C-alpha cells in the first residue's frame, strides 16, 4: 500500500443518505477477480443507462467531478451488504478518502484493510461542503492525516478522530499483514520467552 499523509484533490459530493454498497458497485460485478479494474464499475447503474450511455445527471459524469479523489457523502455512506468490492471500486477509480457523518460498519472495516481513509465529520459540516461542491464543481478538499484535519472548499478547517493503529498503518503504507510482519522480531522474542 502507498503511505497516506496528505491529499489535496477534487471532491465528489454524494448528496444521498444511505448510499449503499449495491449503488457503489452492483452485485452483478461481484464474481469478477480482484485483478479487474473495479473503478469501471463504480456507481455503474447511476453513471450509465441500460444502453451503456452516460447519465448526464449523475454527479460523477459532470466534467468538474470526473477527476475526484475524495468523496464527501451523507449519513450512513456505504451501508448494506458486506462486499469489499465497494472499497475496490472507489480505490480503483482513484478515490483515496471518503468523508461522511457516518458509515456502514462493514464498509469501515473493509476500507481500513484496503488503505482507504474514512473520516467522520458532523453532518452540518458535510452538508455545507456538499452544497458548496455542487454549486462549484471542481473544488478541492485538503486532508492532513498527521494533523488530523480537513480543509474544506470554503476554507473552514475541521478536525477528525482516527484510531491510532489505523493511522499508523495508513501513514506507514501497511495493511494488516504488513503490520504483523513489521512486528516479527517482537513476535519471535515473545515466542522464545513464552516457550522457555
N, C-alpha and C. Protein backbone atom coordinates (compact mmCIF):
# COMPACT_ATOMS: atom_id res chain seq x y z
N UNK A 1 0.83 -1.19 0.00
CA UNK A 1 0.00 0.00 0.00
C UNK A 1 0.88 1.25 0.00
N UNK A 2 0.31 2.32 -0.52
CA UNK A 2 1.01 3.60 -0.51
C UNK A 2 0.79 4.29 0.84
N UNK A 3 1.84 4.88 1.42
CA UNK A 3 1.62 5.66 2.64
C UNK A 3 0.70 6.86 2.37
N UNK A 4 -0.15 7.16 3.31
CA UNK A 4 -1.07 8.29 3.19
C UNK A 4 -0.69 9.31 4.26
N UNK A 5 -0.41 10.53 3.82
CA UNK A 5 -0.13 11.60 4.77
C UNK A 5 -0.99 12.82 4.46
N UNK A 6 -0.87 13.31 3.23
CA UNK A 6 -1.63 14.48 2.81
C UNK A 6 -2.27 14.22 1.46
N UNK A 7 -3.43 14.79 1.26
CA UNK A 7 -4.11 14.69 -0.02
C UNK A 7 -4.89 15.97 -0.24
N UNK A 8 -4.65 16.60 -1.36
CA UNK A 8 -5.44 17.76 -1.78
C UNK A 8 -5.98 17.42 -3.15
N UNK A 9 -7.29 17.30 -3.27
CA UNK A 9 -7.87 16.80 -4.51
C UNK A 9 -9.30 17.26 -4.68
N UNK A 10 -9.78 17.13 -5.91
CA UNK A 10 -11.17 17.41 -6.22
C UNK A 10 -12.05 16.47 -5.41
N UNK A 11 -13.12 17.03 -4.87
CA UNK A 11 -14.04 16.24 -4.04
C UNK A 11 -15.36 16.04 -4.77
N UNK A 12 -15.88 14.82 -4.66
CA UNK A 12 -17.14 14.43 -5.28
C UNK A 12 -18.24 14.42 -4.23
N UNK A 13 -19.28 15.23 -4.38
CA UNK A 13 -20.37 15.22 -3.40
C UNK A 13 -21.41 14.14 -3.75
N UNK A 14 -21.72 13.30 -2.79
CA UNK A 14 -22.81 12.33 -2.92
C UNK A 14 -23.87 12.75 -1.91
N UNK A 15 -24.89 13.43 -2.40
CA UNK A 15 -25.86 14.09 -1.52
C UNK A 15 -26.97 13.18 -1.01
N UNK A 16 -26.89 11.92 -1.33
CA UNK A 16 -27.94 10.97 -0.95
C UNK A 16 -27.58 10.24 0.34
N UNK A 17 -28.42 10.31 1.38
CA UNK A 17 -28.16 9.50 2.56
C UNK A 17 -28.39 8.02 2.25
N UNK A 18 -27.76 7.15 3.01
CA UNK A 18 -27.92 5.70 2.86
C UNK A 18 -27.49 5.21 1.48
N UNK A 19 -26.46 5.82 0.93
CA UNK A 19 -25.90 5.34 -0.34
C UNK A 19 -25.29 3.97 -0.05
N UNK A 20 -25.89 2.91 -0.59
CA UNK A 20 -25.47 1.57 -0.19
C UNK A 20 -24.42 0.97 -1.12
N UNK A 21 -23.88 -0.15 -0.69
CA UNK A 21 -22.78 -0.77 -1.44
C UNK A 21 -23.25 -1.29 -2.80
N UNK A 22 -24.53 -1.59 -2.95
CA UNK A 22 -25.02 -2.02 -4.26
C UNK A 22 -25.06 -0.86 -5.24
N UNK A 23 -25.25 0.35 -4.75
CA UNK A 23 -25.17 1.52 -5.61
C UNK A 23 -23.71 1.82 -5.95
N UNK A 24 -22.82 1.59 -5.01
CA UNK A 24 -21.40 1.84 -5.25
C UNK A 24 -20.85 0.86 -6.27
N UNK A 25 -21.19 -0.43 -6.13
CA UNK A 25 -20.81 -1.43 -7.14
C UNK A 25 -21.92 -2.49 -7.18
N UNK A 26 -22.65 -2.56 -8.30
CA UNK A 26 -23.77 -3.50 -8.39
C UNK A 26 -23.33 -4.96 -8.24
N UNK A 27 -24.25 -5.76 -7.71
CA UNK A 27 -23.96 -7.16 -7.36
C UNK A 27 -23.49 -7.99 -8.54
N UNK A 28 -23.91 -7.66 -9.75
CA UNK A 28 -23.54 -8.50 -10.90
C UNK A 28 -22.04 -8.48 -11.20
N UNK A 29 -21.30 -7.55 -10.60
CA UNK A 29 -19.85 -7.49 -10.82
C UNK A 29 -19.05 -8.20 -9.73
N UNK A 30 -19.73 -8.78 -8.77
CA UNK A 30 -19.02 -9.35 -7.62
C UNK A 30 -18.27 -10.64 -7.94
N UNK A 31 -18.57 -11.29 -9.04
CA UNK A 31 -17.88 -12.52 -9.40
C UNK A 31 -16.57 -12.27 -10.15
N UNK A 32 -16.30 -11.04 -10.46
CA UNK A 32 -15.08 -10.72 -11.20
C UNK A 32 -13.87 -10.82 -10.27
N UNK A 33 -12.70 -11.18 -10.81
CA UNK A 33 -11.50 -11.29 -9.97
C UNK A 33 -10.98 -9.92 -9.55
N UNK A 34 -10.23 -9.87 -8.47
CA UNK A 34 -9.68 -8.60 -7.97
C UNK A 34 -8.79 -7.92 -9.00
N UNK A 35 -8.24 -8.68 -9.91
CA UNK A 35 -7.36 -8.10 -10.93
C UNK A 35 -8.11 -7.19 -11.91
N UNK A 36 -9.44 -7.29 -11.94
CA UNK A 36 -10.23 -6.39 -12.78
C UNK A 36 -10.12 -4.96 -12.24
N UNK A 37 -10.32 -3.99 -13.11
CA UNK A 37 -10.37 -2.60 -12.67
C UNK A 37 -11.79 -2.30 -12.19
N UNK A 38 -12.01 -2.41 -10.90
CA UNK A 38 -13.35 -2.20 -10.36
C UNK A 38 -13.78 -0.73 -10.45
N UNK A 39 -12.85 0.16 -10.74
CA UNK A 39 -13.21 1.55 -10.96
C UNK A 39 -14.18 1.72 -12.12
N UNK A 40 -14.11 0.79 -13.09
CA UNK A 40 -15.04 0.83 -14.21
C UNK A 40 -16.49 0.58 -13.78
N UNK A 41 -16.66 -0.07 -12.61
CA UNK A 41 -17.99 -0.43 -12.14
C UNK A 41 -18.51 0.52 -11.07
N UNK A 42 -17.71 1.52 -10.69
CA UNK A 42 -18.10 2.45 -9.63
C UNK A 42 -19.39 3.18 -10.01
N UNK A 43 -20.40 3.10 -9.15
CA UNK A 43 -21.70 3.74 -9.38
C UNK A 43 -22.26 3.40 -10.77
N UNK A 44 -21.98 2.20 -11.23
CA UNK A 44 -22.29 1.82 -12.62
C UNK A 44 -23.74 2.09 -13.02
N UNK A 45 -24.68 1.69 -12.20
CA UNK A 45 -26.09 1.85 -12.58
C UNK A 45 -26.58 3.28 -12.43
N UNK A 46 -25.84 4.09 -11.70
CA UNK A 46 -26.17 5.50 -11.59
C UNK A 46 -25.47 6.31 -12.69
N UNK A 47 -24.27 5.86 -13.06
CA UNK A 47 -23.48 6.57 -14.09
C UNK A 47 -23.96 6.31 -15.50
N UNK A 48 -24.49 5.10 -15.74
CA UNK A 48 -24.81 4.70 -17.11
C UNK A 48 -26.24 4.18 -17.23
N UNK A 49 -26.83 4.38 -18.39
CA UNK A 49 -28.13 3.82 -18.69
C UNK A 49 -28.01 2.38 -19.14
N UNK A 50 -29.14 1.74 -19.36
CA UNK A 50 -29.16 0.33 -19.80
C UNK A 50 -28.45 0.15 -21.13
N UNK A 51 -28.43 1.18 -21.97
CA UNK A 51 -27.78 1.09 -23.28
C UNK A 51 -26.28 1.41 -23.21
N UNK A 52 -25.77 1.69 -21.98
CA UNK A 52 -24.35 1.98 -21.82
C UNK A 52 -23.99 3.45 -21.95
N UNK A 53 -24.96 4.30 -22.26
CA UNK A 53 -24.68 5.73 -22.39
C UNK A 53 -24.61 6.38 -21.01
N UNK A 54 -23.80 7.43 -20.91
CA UNK A 54 -23.65 8.14 -19.64
C UNK A 54 -24.94 8.85 -19.25
N UNK A 55 -25.23 8.83 -17.96
CA UNK A 55 -26.33 9.60 -17.41
C UNK A 55 -25.80 10.99 -17.09
N UNK A 56 -26.16 12.00 -17.86
CA UNK A 56 -25.58 13.33 -17.64
C UNK A 56 -25.98 13.97 -16.31
N UNK A 57 -27.02 13.43 -15.68
CA UNK A 57 -27.47 13.99 -14.41
C UNK A 57 -26.69 13.47 -13.22
N UNK A 58 -25.96 12.36 -13.41
CA UNK A 58 -25.22 11.82 -12.27
C UNK A 58 -23.94 12.63 -12.06
N UNK A 59 -23.69 12.98 -10.83
CA UNK A 59 -22.65 13.94 -10.47
C UNK A 59 -21.26 13.54 -10.98
N UNK A 60 -20.93 12.26 -10.95
CA UNK A 60 -19.58 11.85 -11.38
C UNK A 60 -19.38 12.04 -12.88
N UNK A 61 -20.45 12.15 -13.65
CA UNK A 61 -20.33 12.36 -15.09
C UNK A 61 -20.18 13.82 -15.46
N UNK A 62 -20.25 14.71 -14.50
CA UNK A 62 -20.08 16.13 -14.78
C UNK A 62 -18.58 16.45 -14.81
N UNK A 63 -18.15 17.23 -15.80
CA UNK A 63 -16.71 17.45 -16.02
C UNK A 63 -15.93 17.86 -14.77
N UNK A 64 -16.51 18.69 -13.93
CA UNK A 64 -15.77 19.18 -12.76
C UNK A 64 -15.49 18.12 -11.71
N UNK A 65 -16.18 16.97 -11.80
CA UNK A 65 -16.03 15.94 -10.78
C UNK A 65 -15.33 14.68 -11.26
N UNK A 66 -15.07 14.55 -12.53
CA UNK A 66 -14.51 13.31 -13.07
C UNK A 66 -13.16 12.92 -12.45
N UNK A 67 -12.39 13.90 -12.06
CA UNK A 67 -11.06 13.62 -11.50
C UNK A 67 -11.06 13.54 -9.98
N UNK A 68 -12.24 13.38 -9.38
CA UNK A 68 -12.35 13.36 -7.92
C UNK A 68 -11.52 12.25 -7.29
N UNK A 69 -10.86 12.56 -6.18
CA UNK A 69 -10.08 11.58 -5.41
C UNK A 69 -10.57 11.50 -3.97
N UNK A 70 -11.54 12.36 -3.64
CA UNK A 70 -12.15 12.39 -2.31
C UNK A 70 -13.66 12.39 -2.52
N UNK A 71 -14.38 11.63 -1.71
CA UNK A 71 -15.84 11.65 -1.73
C UNK A 71 -16.33 12.30 -0.44
N UNK A 72 -17.31 13.18 -0.56
CA UNK A 72 -17.99 13.73 0.61
C UNK A 72 -19.42 13.22 0.53
N UNK A 73 -19.79 12.37 1.50
CA UNK A 73 -21.09 11.72 1.47
C UNK A 73 -22.00 12.15 2.59
N UNK A 74 -23.18 11.56 2.57
CA UNK A 74 -24.21 11.82 3.57
C UNK A 74 -24.20 10.73 4.65
N UNK A 75 -25.18 10.79 5.53
CA UNK A 75 -25.34 9.81 6.60
C UNK A 75 -25.33 8.39 6.06
N UNK A 76 -24.70 7.49 6.80
CA UNK A 76 -24.75 6.05 6.54
C UNK A 76 -24.19 5.69 5.17
N UNK A 77 -23.11 6.34 4.80
CA UNK A 77 -22.48 6.06 3.50
C UNK A 77 -21.98 4.62 3.47
N UNK A 78 -22.25 3.94 2.37
CA UNK A 78 -21.80 2.55 2.15
C UNK A 78 -22.41 1.57 3.14
N UNK A 79 -23.68 1.76 3.41
CA UNK A 79 -24.41 0.79 4.22
C UNK A 79 -24.75 -0.40 3.32
N UNK A 80 -25.41 -1.40 3.88
CA UNK A 80 -25.84 -2.52 3.06
C UNK A 80 -24.93 -3.72 3.18
N UNK A 81 -24.81 -4.45 2.09
CA UNK A 81 -24.09 -5.73 2.12
C UNK A 81 -22.61 -5.54 2.40
N UNK A 82 -21.97 -6.64 2.73
CA UNK A 82 -20.59 -6.59 3.21
C UNK A 82 -19.54 -6.59 2.10
N UNK A 83 -19.94 -6.39 0.88
CA UNK A 83 -18.99 -6.53 -0.23
C UNK A 83 -17.78 -5.61 -0.14
N UNK A 84 -16.61 -6.22 -0.12
CA UNK A 84 -15.34 -5.47 -0.14
C UNK A 84 -15.17 -4.76 -1.48
N UNK A 85 -15.88 -5.24 -2.49
CA UNK A 85 -15.79 -4.69 -3.83
C UNK A 85 -16.14 -3.20 -3.87
N UNK A 86 -16.97 -2.74 -2.93
CA UNK A 86 -17.31 -1.31 -2.89
C UNK A 86 -16.06 -0.48 -2.63
N UNK A 87 -15.21 -0.95 -1.73
CA UNK A 87 -13.94 -0.26 -1.47
C UNK A 87 -13.04 -0.35 -2.70
N UNK A 88 -12.99 -1.54 -3.31
CA UNK A 88 -12.15 -1.71 -4.50
C UNK A 88 -12.58 -0.76 -5.62
N UNK A 89 -13.90 -0.59 -5.80
CA UNK A 89 -14.40 0.27 -6.87
C UNK A 89 -13.97 1.72 -6.63
N UNK A 90 -14.11 2.19 -5.41
CA UNK A 90 -13.67 3.55 -5.09
C UNK A 90 -12.16 3.68 -5.28
N UNK A 91 -11.40 2.73 -4.74
CA UNK A 91 -9.94 2.78 -4.80
C UNK A 91 -9.44 2.73 -6.24
N UNK A 92 -10.00 1.81 -7.02
CA UNK A 92 -9.53 1.66 -8.40
C UNK A 92 -9.90 2.85 -9.27
N UNK A 93 -10.97 3.55 -8.93
CA UNK A 93 -11.31 4.77 -9.65
C UNK A 93 -10.31 5.88 -9.33
N UNK A 94 -9.70 5.79 -8.13
CA UNK A 94 -8.74 6.80 -7.71
C UNK A 94 -9.10 7.49 -6.42
N UNK A 95 -10.22 7.12 -5.82
CA UNK A 95 -10.65 7.73 -4.55
C UNK A 95 -9.78 7.18 -3.42
N UNK A 96 -9.19 8.06 -2.65
CA UNK A 96 -8.32 7.67 -1.55
C UNK A 96 -8.89 7.99 -0.17
N UNK A 97 -9.98 8.77 -0.14
CA UNK A 97 -10.59 9.14 1.14
C UNK A 97 -12.08 9.41 0.95
N UNK A 98 -12.86 9.05 1.97
CA UNK A 98 -14.30 9.32 1.97
C UNK A 98 -14.63 10.01 3.29
N UNK A 99 -15.35 11.11 3.20
CA UNK A 99 -15.77 11.90 4.36
C UNK A 99 -17.29 11.82 4.46
N UNK A 100 -17.80 11.51 5.63
CA UNK A 100 -19.25 11.43 5.82
C UNK A 100 -19.57 11.55 7.31
N UNK A 101 -20.83 11.83 7.66
CA UNK A 101 -21.20 11.88 9.07
C UNK A 101 -21.22 10.50 9.72
N UNK A 102 -21.48 9.45 8.90
CA UNK A 102 -21.48 8.08 9.41
C UNK A 102 -21.33 7.12 8.24
N UNK A 103 -20.88 5.90 8.57
CA UNK A 103 -20.62 4.89 7.55
C UNK A 103 -21.25 3.57 7.96
N UNK A 104 -21.46 2.70 6.97
CA UNK A 104 -21.80 1.32 7.27
C UNK A 104 -20.63 0.67 7.98
N UNK A 105 -20.90 -0.08 9.03
CA UNK A 105 -19.83 -0.66 9.85
C UNK A 105 -18.89 -1.56 9.06
N UNK A 106 -19.44 -2.41 8.21
CA UNK A 106 -18.60 -3.36 7.47
C UNK A 106 -17.74 -2.61 6.46
N UNK A 107 -18.29 -1.57 5.85
CA UNK A 107 -17.51 -0.75 4.92
C UNK A 107 -16.31 -0.15 5.64
N UNK A 108 -16.50 0.33 6.86
CA UNK A 108 -15.38 0.89 7.62
C UNK A 108 -14.26 -0.12 7.78
N UNK A 109 -14.62 -1.35 8.12
CA UNK A 109 -13.63 -2.40 8.28
C UNK A 109 -12.93 -2.71 6.97
N UNK A 110 -13.69 -2.83 5.89
CA UNK A 110 -13.11 -3.13 4.58
C UNK A 110 -12.21 -1.99 4.10
N UNK A 111 -12.62 -0.76 4.37
CA UNK A 111 -11.80 0.39 3.98
C UNK A 111 -10.46 0.35 4.70
N UNK A 112 -10.50 0.07 6.00
CA UNK A 112 -9.26 0.01 6.79
C UNK A 112 -8.31 -1.04 6.26
N UNK A 113 -8.83 -2.16 5.81
CA UNK A 113 -7.99 -3.25 5.31
C UNK A 113 -7.38 -2.96 3.94
N UNK A 114 -7.94 -1.98 3.24
CA UNK A 114 -7.51 -1.70 1.87
C UNK A 114 -6.86 -0.33 1.68
N UNK A 115 -6.62 0.39 2.79
CA UNK A 115 -5.91 1.66 2.68
C UNK A 115 -6.76 2.86 2.32
N UNK A 116 -8.09 2.71 2.35
CA UNK A 116 -8.98 3.82 2.06
C UNK A 116 -9.29 4.56 3.36
N UNK A 117 -8.96 5.83 3.42
CA UNK A 117 -9.19 6.63 4.62
C UNK A 117 -10.66 7.02 4.72
N UNK A 118 -11.27 6.74 5.85
CA UNK A 118 -12.63 7.19 6.13
C UNK A 118 -12.57 8.22 7.26
N UNK A 119 -13.27 9.31 7.07
CA UNK A 119 -13.27 10.42 8.02
C UNK A 119 -14.70 10.75 8.41
N UNK A 120 -14.98 10.75 9.69
CA UNK A 120 -16.30 11.13 10.19
C UNK A 120 -16.26 12.59 10.62
N UNK A 121 -17.14 13.39 10.01
CA UNK A 121 -17.31 14.79 10.39
C UNK A 121 -18.79 15.04 10.67
N UNK A 122 -19.10 16.05 11.46
CA UNK A 122 -20.51 16.33 11.77
C UNK A 122 -21.34 16.61 10.51
N UNK A 123 -22.61 16.26 10.58
CA UNK A 123 -23.49 16.42 9.43
C UNK A 123 -23.55 17.87 8.95
N UNK A 124 -23.55 18.81 9.87
CA UNK A 124 -23.61 20.23 9.46
C UNK A 124 -22.41 20.59 8.59
N UNK A 125 -21.26 20.01 8.91
CA UNK A 125 -20.04 20.30 8.14
C UNK A 125 -20.11 19.65 6.76
N UNK A 126 -20.50 18.37 6.71
CA UNK A 126 -20.55 17.69 5.41
C UNK A 126 -21.66 18.26 4.53
N UNK A 127 -22.79 18.61 5.13
CA UNK A 127 -23.90 19.19 4.35
C UNK A 127 -23.49 20.50 3.70
N UNK A 128 -22.79 21.33 4.44
CA UNK A 128 -22.31 22.60 3.87
C UNK A 128 -21.29 22.35 2.77
N UNK A 129 -20.41 21.37 2.99
CA UNK A 129 -19.41 21.04 1.98
C UNK A 129 -20.07 20.51 0.72
N UNK A 130 -21.06 19.62 0.86
CA UNK A 130 -21.77 19.08 -0.31
C UNK A 130 -22.45 20.19 -1.10
N UNK A 131 -23.13 21.09 -0.39
CA UNK A 131 -23.81 22.20 -1.07
C UNK A 131 -22.81 23.06 -1.83
N UNK A 132 -21.67 23.36 -1.22
CA UNK A 132 -20.65 24.18 -1.88
C UNK A 132 -20.04 23.48 -3.08
N UNK A 133 -19.81 22.17 -2.96
CA UNK A 133 -19.22 21.41 -4.07
C UNK A 133 -20.19 21.32 -5.24
N UNK A 134 -21.46 21.11 -4.95
CA UNK A 134 -22.45 21.05 -6.03
C UNK A 134 -22.59 22.39 -6.73
N UNK A 135 -22.47 23.48 -5.98
CA UNK A 135 -22.60 24.81 -6.57
C UNK A 135 -21.38 25.18 -7.41
N UNK A 136 -20.22 24.62 -7.05
CA UNK A 136 -18.97 24.96 -7.76
C UNK A 136 -18.16 23.70 -8.02
N UNK A 137 -18.52 22.92 -9.03
CA UNK A 137 -17.81 21.67 -9.32
C UNK A 137 -16.32 21.91 -9.55
N UNK A 138 -15.52 20.95 -9.09
CA UNK A 138 -14.08 21.02 -9.30
C UNK A 138 -13.30 21.56 -8.12
N UNK A 139 -14.00 21.95 -7.06
CA UNK A 139 -13.30 22.45 -5.87
C UNK A 139 -12.56 21.32 -5.16
N UNK A 140 -11.51 21.70 -4.47
CA UNK A 140 -10.69 20.72 -3.78
C UNK A 140 -10.89 20.75 -2.27
N UNK A 141 -10.64 19.60 -1.69
CA UNK A 141 -10.61 19.43 -0.24
C UNK A 141 -9.20 18.97 0.10
N UNK A 142 -8.66 19.44 1.22
CA UNK A 142 -7.31 19.04 1.64
C UNK A 142 -7.38 18.26 2.93
N UNK A 143 -6.69 17.12 2.96
CA UNK A 143 -6.64 16.27 4.14
C UNK A 143 -5.20 16.18 4.61
N UNK A 144 -5.00 16.45 5.89
CA UNK A 144 -3.69 16.29 6.54
C UNK A 144 -3.87 15.22 7.61
N UNK A 145 -3.42 14.01 7.30
CA UNK A 145 -3.64 12.90 8.23
C UNK A 145 -2.79 13.06 9.48
N UNK A 146 -1.57 13.56 9.35
CA UNK A 146 -0.74 13.75 10.54
C UNK A 146 -1.41 14.68 11.54
N UNK A 147 -1.94 15.80 11.04
CA UNK A 147 -2.61 16.78 11.90
C UNK A 147 -4.06 16.42 12.18
N UNK A 148 -4.59 15.45 11.43
CA UNK A 148 -5.99 15.02 11.56
C UNK A 148 -6.95 16.18 11.31
N UNK A 149 -6.73 16.85 10.16
CA UNK A 149 -7.58 17.97 9.77
C UNK A 149 -8.02 17.83 8.31
N UNK A 150 -9.18 18.42 8.06
CA UNK A 150 -9.71 18.53 6.71
C UNK A 150 -9.96 20.01 6.45
N UNK A 151 -9.42 20.52 5.34
CA UNK A 151 -9.69 21.89 4.94
C UNK A 151 -10.70 21.84 3.81
N UNK A 152 -11.86 22.44 4.05
CA UNK A 152 -12.98 22.39 3.12
C UNK A 152 -12.88 23.51 2.10
N UNK A 153 -13.64 23.42 1.01
CA UNK A 153 -13.54 24.43 -0.04
C UNK A 153 -13.79 25.86 0.44
N UNK A 154 -14.61 26.03 1.49
CA UNK A 154 -14.88 27.38 1.99
C UNK A 154 -13.78 27.89 2.92
N UNK A 155 -12.72 27.10 3.09
CA UNK A 155 -11.59 27.49 3.93
C UNK A 155 -11.70 27.03 5.37
N UNK A 156 -12.85 26.53 5.77
CA UNK A 156 -13.02 26.03 7.13
C UNK A 156 -12.15 24.80 7.35
N UNK A 157 -11.61 24.69 8.54
CA UNK A 157 -10.77 23.54 8.90
C UNK A 157 -11.50 22.75 9.98
N UNK A 158 -11.68 21.47 9.72
CA UNK A 158 -12.36 20.58 10.68
C UNK A 158 -11.38 19.50 11.14
N UNK A 159 -11.41 19.21 12.42
CA UNK A 159 -10.57 18.14 12.98
C UNK A 159 -11.35 16.84 13.00
N UNK A 160 -10.63 15.73 12.91
CA UNK A 160 -11.29 14.43 12.98
C UNK A 160 -10.49 13.48 13.84
N UNK A 161 -11.18 12.48 14.36
CA UNK A 161 -10.56 11.43 15.17
C UNK A 161 -10.25 10.23 14.29
N UNK A 162 -9.20 9.52 14.65
CA UNK A 162 -8.87 8.27 13.96
C UNK A 162 -8.17 7.35 14.94
N UNK A 163 -8.47 6.07 14.85
CA UNK A 163 -7.82 5.08 15.70
C UNK A 163 -6.31 5.13 15.46
N UNK A 164 -5.50 5.18 16.52
CA UNK A 164 -4.04 5.29 16.35
C UNK A 164 -3.44 4.15 15.51
N UNK A 165 -3.94 2.94 15.69
CA UNK A 165 -3.42 1.81 14.89
C UNK A 165 -3.72 2.02 13.41
N UNK A 166 -4.94 2.45 13.12
CA UNK A 166 -5.32 2.70 11.72
C UNK A 166 -4.48 3.82 11.13
N UNK A 167 -4.27 4.87 11.91
CA UNK A 167 -3.45 5.99 11.43
C UNK A 167 -2.02 5.53 11.16
N UNK A 168 -1.46 4.74 12.07
CA UNK A 168 -0.10 4.24 11.87
C UNK A 168 -0.01 3.42 10.59
N UNK A 169 -0.96 2.52 10.38
CA UNK A 169 -0.94 1.69 9.18
C UNK A 169 -1.04 2.54 7.92
N UNK A 170 -1.94 3.53 7.91
CA UNK A 170 -2.10 4.38 6.74
C UNK A 170 -0.85 5.20 6.45
N UNK A 171 -0.31 5.83 7.48
CA UNK A 171 0.87 6.68 7.26
C UNK A 171 2.11 5.86 6.93
N UNK A 172 2.13 4.60 7.32
CA UNK A 172 3.26 3.72 7.04
C UNK A 172 3.08 2.91 5.76
N UNK A 173 1.88 2.95 5.19
CA UNK A 173 1.60 2.17 4.00
C UNK A 173 1.52 0.68 4.26
N UNK A 174 0.97 0.31 5.42
CA UNK A 174 0.89 -1.09 5.82
C UNK A 174 -0.55 -1.58 5.87
N UNK A 175 -0.79 -2.77 5.34
CA UNK A 175 -2.06 -3.44 5.60
C UNK A 175 -1.87 -4.29 6.86
N UNK A 176 -2.89 -5.06 7.23
CA UNK A 176 -2.80 -5.84 8.47
C UNK A 176 -1.66 -6.86 8.44
N UNK A 177 -1.48 -7.51 7.30
CA UNK A 177 -0.39 -8.47 7.17
C UNK A 177 0.96 -7.77 7.26
N UNK A 178 1.07 -6.64 6.56
CA UNK A 178 2.31 -5.88 6.61
C UNK A 178 2.65 -5.44 8.02
N UNK A 179 1.63 -5.02 8.78
CA UNK A 179 1.86 -4.61 10.16
C UNK A 179 2.35 -5.80 10.98
N UNK A 180 1.71 -6.95 10.81
CA UNK A 180 2.12 -8.15 11.56
C UNK A 180 3.57 -8.51 11.24
N UNK A 181 3.92 -8.46 9.95
CA UNK A 181 5.30 -8.79 9.56
C UNK A 181 6.29 -7.77 10.12
N UNK A 182 5.85 -6.52 10.26
CA UNK A 182 6.75 -5.50 10.83
C UNK A 182 7.04 -5.75 12.31
N UNK A 183 6.21 -6.57 12.94
CA UNK A 183 6.37 -6.89 14.36
C UNK A 183 7.02 -8.27 14.57
N UNK A 184 7.58 -8.83 13.51
CA UNK A 184 8.10 -10.20 13.56
C UNK A 184 9.14 -10.40 14.65
N UNK A 185 10.06 -9.45 14.80
CA UNK A 185 11.09 -9.58 15.85
C UNK A 185 10.46 -9.68 17.24
N UNK A 186 9.45 -8.85 17.50
CA UNK A 186 8.78 -8.88 18.79
C UNK A 186 8.01 -10.20 18.98
N UNK A 187 7.41 -10.65 17.90
CA UNK A 187 6.66 -11.91 17.97
C UNK A 187 7.61 -13.07 18.29
N UNK A 188 8.75 -13.10 17.58
CA UNK A 188 9.72 -14.18 17.82
C UNK A 188 10.31 -14.11 19.22
N UNK A 189 10.57 -12.90 19.71
CA UNK A 189 11.10 -12.74 21.07
C UNK A 189 10.07 -13.24 22.09
N UNK A 190 8.80 -12.90 21.87
CA UNK A 190 7.74 -13.36 22.77
C UNK A 190 7.65 -14.88 22.75
N UNK A 191 7.72 -15.46 21.55
CA UNK A 191 7.62 -16.92 21.44
C UNK A 191 8.74 -17.61 22.20
N UNK A 192 9.95 -17.05 22.14
CA UNK A 192 11.08 -17.64 22.88
C UNK A 192 10.84 -17.55 24.38
N UNK A 193 10.37 -16.42 24.84
CA UNK A 193 10.09 -16.23 26.27
C UNK A 193 8.96 -17.14 26.72
N UNK A 194 7.93 -17.20 25.90
CA UNK A 194 6.75 -17.99 26.26
C UNK A 194 7.07 -19.49 26.27
N UNK A 195 7.89 -19.91 25.30
CA UNK A 195 8.24 -21.34 25.20
C UNK A 195 9.22 -21.74 26.29
N UNK A 196 10.00 -20.78 26.77
CA UNK A 196 11.05 -21.07 27.73
C UNK A 196 10.52 -21.22 29.11
